[in-house]
Amino acid sequence: MNTKEAIQKAFIRLYSKTDYNRITIKELCMQTPVARTTFYSYYANIDELKSDMETSFLNGLRDLLLRFPEKDFAFIDLHEFLKHSMVYIEDNWDTVYAFLVIQPDTRFIDKWKAYIKEHFRMHYSEKQNNDNYKLVSETIASAAIDCYRYWMQNKAEVNDEKLFQIIQAMINSIISVL
């Protein structure tokens, strides 16, 4: 593990048990352990660290698309994409769980919703002139993230295949109003 990863992992450990506004660089550096100058060589402050982690996670979701033979989102099998997305979330469980469940981070959630809405726009570009398009895309993004949150909070009770079916049915149902 490199120094940047160590700083990020220490941050998530602190974020998971300490109010975000109470996390200090001094405490983070003691937990890592790195010198404050080392921290500042990577980040200007705690908020920049958090923002970098949010962006890195979402860039990873974007990179999932590159794993599919079809580069155009409009032709990607949503079921397969959801399966890959959940594996990616599991690979980043501590970060996503901290930002989505422990201390819901509205900036992270808003960035994730923007990502979902962008993919929705690419997938259903012909519908974006409809009156309810913005409301529908916001509803889909919010519902998808809430499904992921519920899954993370109740992982033992949630059947992944059923979750995929619910998300697909929800998207199809909401899209039908366009």
C-alpha atoms as a PDB file:
ATOM      1  CA  MET A   1       0.000   0.000   0.000  1.00  0.00           C
ATOM      2  CA  ASN A   2       1.374   3.395  -0.942  1.00  0.00           C
ATOM      3  CA  THR A   3       1.284   6.510   1.261  1.00  0.00           C
ATOM      4  CA  LYS A   4      -1.725   8.050  -0.471  1.00  0.00           C
ATOM      5  CA  GLU A   5      -3.728   4.836   0.005  1.00  0.00           C
ATOM      6  CA  ALA A   6      -2.642   4.700   3.653  1.00  0.00           C
ATOM      7  CA  ILE A   7      -3.884   8.263   4.186  1.00  0.00           C
ATOM      8  CA  GLN A   8      -7.203   7.417   2.527  1.00  0.00           C
ATOM      9  CA  LYS A   9      -7.678   4.229   4.562  1.00  0.00           C
ATOM     10  CA  ALA A  10      -6.891   6.077   7.796  1.00  0.00           C
ATOM     11  CA  PHE A  11      -9.349   8.794   6.789  1.00  0.00           C
ATOM     12  CA  ILE A  12     -12.144   6.262   6.224  1.00  0.00           C
ATOM     13  CA  ARG A  13     -11.430   4.639   9.600  1.00  0.00           C
ATOM     14  CA  LEU A  14     -11.719   8.065  11.249  1.00  0.00           C
ATOM     15  CA  TYR A  15     -14.729   9.086   9.150  1.00  0.00           C
ATOM     16  CA  SER A  16     -16.496   5.886  10.201  1.00  0.00           C
ATOM     17  CA  LYS A  17     -16.262   6.738  13.894  1.00  0.00           C
ATOM     18  CA  THR A  18     -15.755  10.525  14.109  1.00  0.00           C
ATOM     19  CA  ASP A  19     -17.938  13.373  12.942  1.00  0.00           C
ATOM     20  CA  TYR A  20     -16.429  14.673   9.708  1.00  0.00           C
ATOM     21  CA  ASN A  21     -16.135  18.226  11.047  1.00  0.00           C
ATOM     22  CA  ARG A  22     -14.032  16.952  13.953  1.00  0.00           C
ATOM     23  CA  ILE A  23     -11.420  15.101  11.896  1.00  0.00           C
ATOM     24  CA  THR A  24      -8.108  16.942  11.985  1.00  0.00           C
ATOM     25  CA  ILE A  25      -5.020  16.573   9.866  1.00  0.00           C
ATOM     26  CA  LYS A  26      -3.006  16.055  13.041  1.00  0.00           C
ATOM     27  CA  GLU A  27      -5.193  13.124  14.109  1.00  0.00           C
ATOM     28  CA  LEU A  28      -5.224  11.686  10.589  1.00  0.00           C
ATOM     29  CA  CYS A  29      -1.432  11.838  10.381  1.00  0.00           C
ATOM     30  CA  MET A  30      -1.122  10.094  13.752  1.00  0.00           C
ATOM     31  CA  GLN A  31      -3.452   7.335  12.529  1.00  0.00           C
ATOM     32  CA  THR A  32      -1.670   6.811   9.210  1.00  0.00           C
ATOM     33  CA  PRO A  33       1.224   7.388  10.479  1.00  0.00           C
ATOM     34  CA  VAL A  34       2.761  10.063   8.282  1.00  0.00           C
ATOM     35  CA  ALA A  35       4.216  13.506   8.885  1.00  0.00           C
ATOM     36  CA  ARG A  36       1.941  16.475   8.278  1.00  0.00           C
ATOM     37  CA  THR A  37       4.275  17.610   5.495  1.00  0.00           C
ATOM     38  CA  THR A  38       3.699  14.260   3.808  1.00  0.00           C
ATOM     39  CA  PHE A  39      -0.073  14.748   4.031  1.00  0.00           C
ATOM     40  CA  TYR A  40       0.277  18.232   2.519  1.00  0.00           C
ATOM     41  CA  SER A  41       2.298  16.831  -0.374  1.00  0.00           C
ATOM     42  CA  TYR A  42      -0.885  14.980  -1.393  1.00  0.00           C
ATOM     43  CA  TYR A  43      -3.721  17.214  -0.195  1.00  0.00           C
ATOM     44  CA  ALA A  44      -4.257  20.834   0.822  1.00  0.00           C
ATOM     45  CA  ASN A  45      -6.833  19.877   3.462  1.00  0.00           C
ATOM     46  CA  ILE A  46      -9.235  17.182   4.650  1.00  0.00           C
ATOM     47  CA  ASP A  47     -11.974  18.296   2.256  1.00  0.00           C
ATOM     48  CA  GLU A  48      -9.670  17.897  -0.743  1.00  0.00           C
ATOM     49  CA  LEU A  49      -8.824  14.381   0.457  1.00  0.00           C
ATOM     50  CA  LYS A  50     -12.518  13.511   0.755  1.00  0.00           C
ATOM     51  CA  SER A  51     -13.303  15.025  -2.640  1.00  0.00           C
ATOM     52  CA  ASP A  52     -10.457  13.075  -4.247  1.00  0.00           C
ATOM     53  CA  MET A  53     -11.807   9.843  -2.778  1.00  0.00           C
ATOM     54  CA  GLU A  54     -15.335  10.608  -4.019  1.00  0.00           C
ATOM     55  CA  THR A  55     -14.067  11.388  -7.510  1.00  0.00           C
ATOM     56  CA  SER A  56     -11.816   8.318  -7.605  1.00  0.00           C
ATOM     57  CA  PHE A  57     -14.727   6.030  -6.750  1.00  0.00           C
ATOM     58  CA  LEU A  58     -16.958   7.553  -9.435  1.00  0.00           C
ATOM     59  CA  ASN A  59     -14.176   7.468 -12.015  1.00  0.00           C
ATOM     60  CA  GLY A  60     -13.925   3.763 -11.271  1.00  0.00           C
ATOM     61  CA  LEU A  61     -17.617   3.384 -12.052  1.00  0.00           C
ATOM     62  CA  ARG A  62     -17.029   5.164 -15.357  1.00  0.00           C
ATOM     63  CA  ASP A  63     -14.146   2.797 -16.075  1.00  0.00           C
ATOM     64  CA  LEU A  64     -16.555  -0.135 -15.719  1.00  0.00           C
ATOM     65  CA  LEU A  65     -18.082   0.899 -19.002  1.00  0.00           C
ATOM     66  CA  LEU A  66     -14.753   0.313 -20.716  1.00  0.00           C
ATOM     67  CA  ARG A  67     -14.890  -3.345 -19.691  1.00  0.00           C
ATOM     68  CA  PHE A  68     -17.928  -3.912 -21.869  1.00  0.00           C
ATOM     69  CA  PRO A  69     -17.446  -4.703 -25.550  1.00  0.00           C
ATOM     70  CA  GLU A  70     -20.061  -2.097 -26.432  1.00  0.00           C
ATOM     71  CA  LYS A  71     -18.591   1.309 -25.621  1.00  0.00           C
ATOM     72  CA  ASP A  72     -21.930   3.022 -26.163  1.00  0.00           C
ATOM     73  CA  PHE A  73     -23.946   2.907 -22.949  1.00  0.00           C
ATOM     74  CA  ALA A  74     -27.182   2.729 -24.937  1.00  0.00           C
ATOM     75  CA  PHE A  75     -26.291  -0.835 -25.941  1.00  0.00           C
ATOM     76  CA  ILE A  76     -24.924  -2.121 -22.643  1.00  0.00           C
ATOM     77  CA  ASP A  77     -26.930  -4.797 -20.851  1.00  0.00           C
ATOM     78  CA  LEU A  78     -28.157  -3.010 -17.710  1.00  0.00           C
ATOM     79  CA  HIS A  79     -28.325  -6.257 -15.744  1.00  0.00           C
ATOM     80  CA  GLU A  80     -24.660  -7.015 -16.453  1.00  0.00           C
ATOM     81  CA  PHE A  81     -23.646  -3.423 -15.702  1.00  0.00           C
ATOM     82  CA  LEU A  82     -25.449  -3.572 -12.331  1.00  0.00           C
ATOM     83  CA  LYS A  83     -23.654  -6.822 -11.453  1.00  0.00           C
ATOM     84  CA  HIS A  84     -20.284  -5.279 -12.265  1.00  0.00           C
ATOM     85  CA  SER A  85     -21.218  -2.124 -10.364  1.00  0.00           C
ATOM     86  CA  MET A  86     -22.044  -4.112  -7.249  1.00  0.00           C
ATOM     87  CA  VAL A  87     -18.741  -5.974  -7.429  1.00  0.00           C
ATOM     88  CA  TYR A  88     -16.984  -2.612  -7.716  1.00  0.00           C
ATOM     89  CA  ILE A  89     -18.932  -1.279  -4.720  1.00  0.00           C
ATOM     90  CA  GLU A  90     -17.954  -4.386  -2.745  1.00  0.00           C
ATOM     91  CA  ASP A  91     -14.318  -3.783  -3.699  1.00  0.00           C
ATOM     92  CA  ASN A  92     -14.667  -0.255  -2.283  1.00  0.00           C
ATOM     93  CA  TRP A  93     -17.037  -1.196   0.532  1.00  0.00           C
ATOM     94  CA  ASP A  94     -15.454   0.778   3.383  1.00  0.00           C
ATOM     95  CA  THR A  95     -15.424   4.052   1.449  1.00  0.00           C
ATOM     96  CA  VAL A  96     -18.899   3.714  -0.053  1.00  0.00           C
ATOM     97  CA  TYR A  97     -20.392   2.479   3.219  1.00  0.00           C
ATOM     98  CA  ALA A  98     -18.855   5.414   5.083  1.00  0.00           C
ATOM     99  CA  PHE A  99     -20.044   8.019   2.544  1.00  0.00           C
ATOM    100  CA  LEU A 100     -23.452   6.463   1.891  1.00  0.00           C
ATOM    101  CA  VAL A 101     -24.499   4.903   5.210  1.00  0.00           C
ATOM    102  CA  ILE A 102     -22.408   5.944   8.222  1.00  0.00           C
ATOM    103  CA  GLN A 103     -22.210   9.669   7.498  1.00  0.00           C
ATOM    104  CA  PRO A 104     -24.166  10.272   4.295  1.00  0.00           C
ATOM    105  CA  ASP A 105     -22.097  12.671   2.226  1.00  0.00           C
ATOM    106  CA  THR A 106     -24.423  14.825   0.130  1.00  0.00           C
ATOM    107  CA  ARG A 107     -21.621  15.917  -2.193  1.00  0.00           C
ATOM    108  CA  PHE A 108     -20.712  12.263  -2.866  1.00  0.00           C
ATOM    109  CA  ILE A 109     -24.371  11.361  -3.399  1.00  0.00           C
ATOM    110  CA  ASP A 110     -24.902  14.364  -5.703  1.00  0.00           C
ATOM    111  CA  LYS A 111     -21.799  13.429  -7.740  1.00  0.00           C
ATOM    112  CA  TRP A 112     -23.043   9.852  -8.007  1.00  0.00           C
ATOM    113  CA  LYS A 113     -26.503  11.022  -9.051  1.00  0.00           C
ATOM    114  CA  ALA A 114     -24.927  13.282 -11.708  1.00  0.00           C
ATOM    115  CA  TYR A 115     -23.010  10.252 -13.004  1.00  0.00           C
ATOM    116  CA  ILE A 116     -26.195   8.155 -13.174  1.00  0.00           C
ATOM    117  CA  LYS A 117     -28.113  10.980 -14.861  1.00  0.00           C
ATOM    118  CA  GLU A 118     -25.353  11.361 -17.465  1.00  0.00           C
ATOM    119  CA  HIS A 119     -25.590   7.670 -18.293  1.00  0.00           C
ATOM    120  CA  PHE A 120     -29.360   7.893 -18.352  1.00  0.00           C
ATOM    121  CA  ARG A 121     -29.044  10.789 -20.818  1.00  0.00           C
ATOM    122  CA  MET A 122     -26.735   8.727 -23.037  1.00  0.00           C
ATOM    123  CA  HIS A 123     -29.027   5.711 -22.867  1.00  0.00           C
ATOM    124  CA  TYR A 124     -32.249   7.635 -23.484  1.00  0.00           C
ATOM    125  CA  SER A 125     -31.065  10.678 -25.420  1.00  0.00           C
ATOM    126  CA  GLU A 126     -34.207  10.693 -27.562  1.00  0.00           C
ATOM    127  CA  LYS A 127     -36.344  11.326 -24.459  1.00  0.00           C
ATOM    128  CA  GLN A 128     -34.520  14.352 -23.039  1.00  0.00           C
ATOM    129  CA  ASN A 129     -36.870  16.851 -24.686  1.00  0.00           C
ATOM    130  CA  ASN A 130     -39.866  15.469 -22.777  1.00  0.00           C
ATOM    131  CA  ASP A 131     -41.386  17.719 -20.119  1.00  0.00           C
ATOM    132  CA  ASN A 132     -40.645  15.379 -17.228  1.00  0.00           C
ATOM    133  CA  TYR A 133     -37.163  14.308 -18.313  1.00  0.00           C
ATOM    134  CA  LYS A 134     -35.237  16.065 -15.524  1.00  0.00           C
ATOM    135  CA  LEU A 135     -37.628  14.823 -12.850  1.00  0.00           C
ATOM    136  CA  VAL A 136     -37.495  11.286 -14.207  1.00  0.00           C
ATOM    137  CA  SER A 137     -33.682  11.209 -14.380  1.00  0.00           C
ATOM    138  CA  GLU A 138     -33.434  12.627 -10.829  1.00  0.00           C
ATOM    139  CA  THR A 139     -35.922  10.036  -9.580  1.00  0.00           C
ATOM    140  CA  ILE A 140     -34.002   7.183 -11.206  1.00  0.00           C
ATOM    141  CA  ALA A 141     -30.672   8.391  -9.836  1.00  0.00           C
ATOM    142  CA  SER A 142     -32.046   8.857  -6.328  1.00  0.00           C
ATOM    143  CA  ALA A 143     -33.829   5.515  -6.341  1.00  0.00           C
ATOM    144  CA  ALA A 144     -30.761   3.653  -7.634  1.00  0.00           C
ATOM    145  CA  ILE A 145     -28.542   5.086  -4.914  1.00  0.00           C
ATOM    146  CA  ASP A 146     -31.167   4.316  -2.283  1.00  0.00           C
ATOM    147  CA  CYS A 147     -31.263   0.725  -3.556  1.00  0.00           C
ATOM    148  CA  TYR A 148     -27.487   0.489  -3.151  1.00  0.00           C
ATOM    149  CA  ARG A 149     -27.742   2.018   0.346  1.00  0.00           C
ATOM    150  CA  TYR A 150     -30.459  -0.457   1.353  1.00  0.00           C
ATOM    151  CA  TRP A 151     -28.403  -3.329  -0.061  1.00  0.00           C
ATOM    152  CA  MET A 152     -25.360  -2.216   1.929  1.00  0.00           C
ATOM    153  CA  GLN A 153     -27.348  -1.898   5.146  1.00  0.00           C
ATOM    154  CA  ASN A 154     -29.116  -5.246   4.668  1.00  0.00           C
ATOM    155  CA  LYS A 155     -26.654  -7.243   2.599  1.00  0.00           C
ATOM    156  CA  ALA A 156     -27.398 -10.578   4.286  1.00  0.00           C
ATOM    157  CA  GLU A 157     -31.117 -10.330   3.518  1.00  0.00           C
ATOM    158  CA  VAL A 158     -30.913  -8.967  -0.044  1.00  0.00           C
ATOM    159  CA  ASN A 159     -30.799 -11.334  -3.000  1.00  0.00           C
ATOM    160  CA  ASP A 160     -28.586  -9.642  -5.598  1.00  0.00           C
ATOM    161  CA  GLU A 161     -30.539 -11.023  -8.563  1.00  0.00           C
ATOM    162  CA  LYS A 162     -33.801  -9.748  -7.102  1.00  0.00           C
ATOM    163  CA  LEU A 163     -32.191  -6.358  -6.551  1.00  0.00           C
ATOM    164  CA  PHE A 164     -31.141  -6.230 -10.220  1.00  0.00           C
ATOM    165  CA  GLN A 165     -34.691  -7.106 -11.247  1.00  0.00           C
ATOM    166  CA  ILE A 166     -36.128  -4.417  -8.969  1.00  0.00           C
ATOM    167  CA  ILE A 167     -33.761  -1.741 -10.277  1.00  0.00           C
ATOM    168  CA  GLN A 168     -34.481  -2.700 -13.898  1.00  0.00           C
ATOM    169  CA  ALA A 169     -38.241  -2.758 -13.275  1.00  0.00           C
ATOM    170  CA  MET A 170     -38.047   0.569 -11.450  1.00  0.00           C
ATOM    171  CA  ILE A 171     -36.149   2.176 -14.324  1.00  0.00           C
ATOM    172  CA  ASN A 172     -38.540   0.749 -16.924  1.00  0.00           C
ATOM    173  CA  SER A 173     -41.571   1.838 -14.918  1.00  0.00           C
ATOM    174  CA  ILE A 174     -40.316   5.392 -14.378  1.00  0.00           C
ATOM    175  CA  ILE A 175     -39.224   5.712 -18.010  1.00  0.00           C
ATOM    176  CA  SER A 176     -42.714   4.761 -19.128  1.00  0.00           C
ATOM    177  CA  VAL A 177     -43.988   8.185 -17.993  1.00  0.00           C
ATOM    178  CA  LEU A 178     -41.760   9.883 -20.573  1.00  0.00           C
END
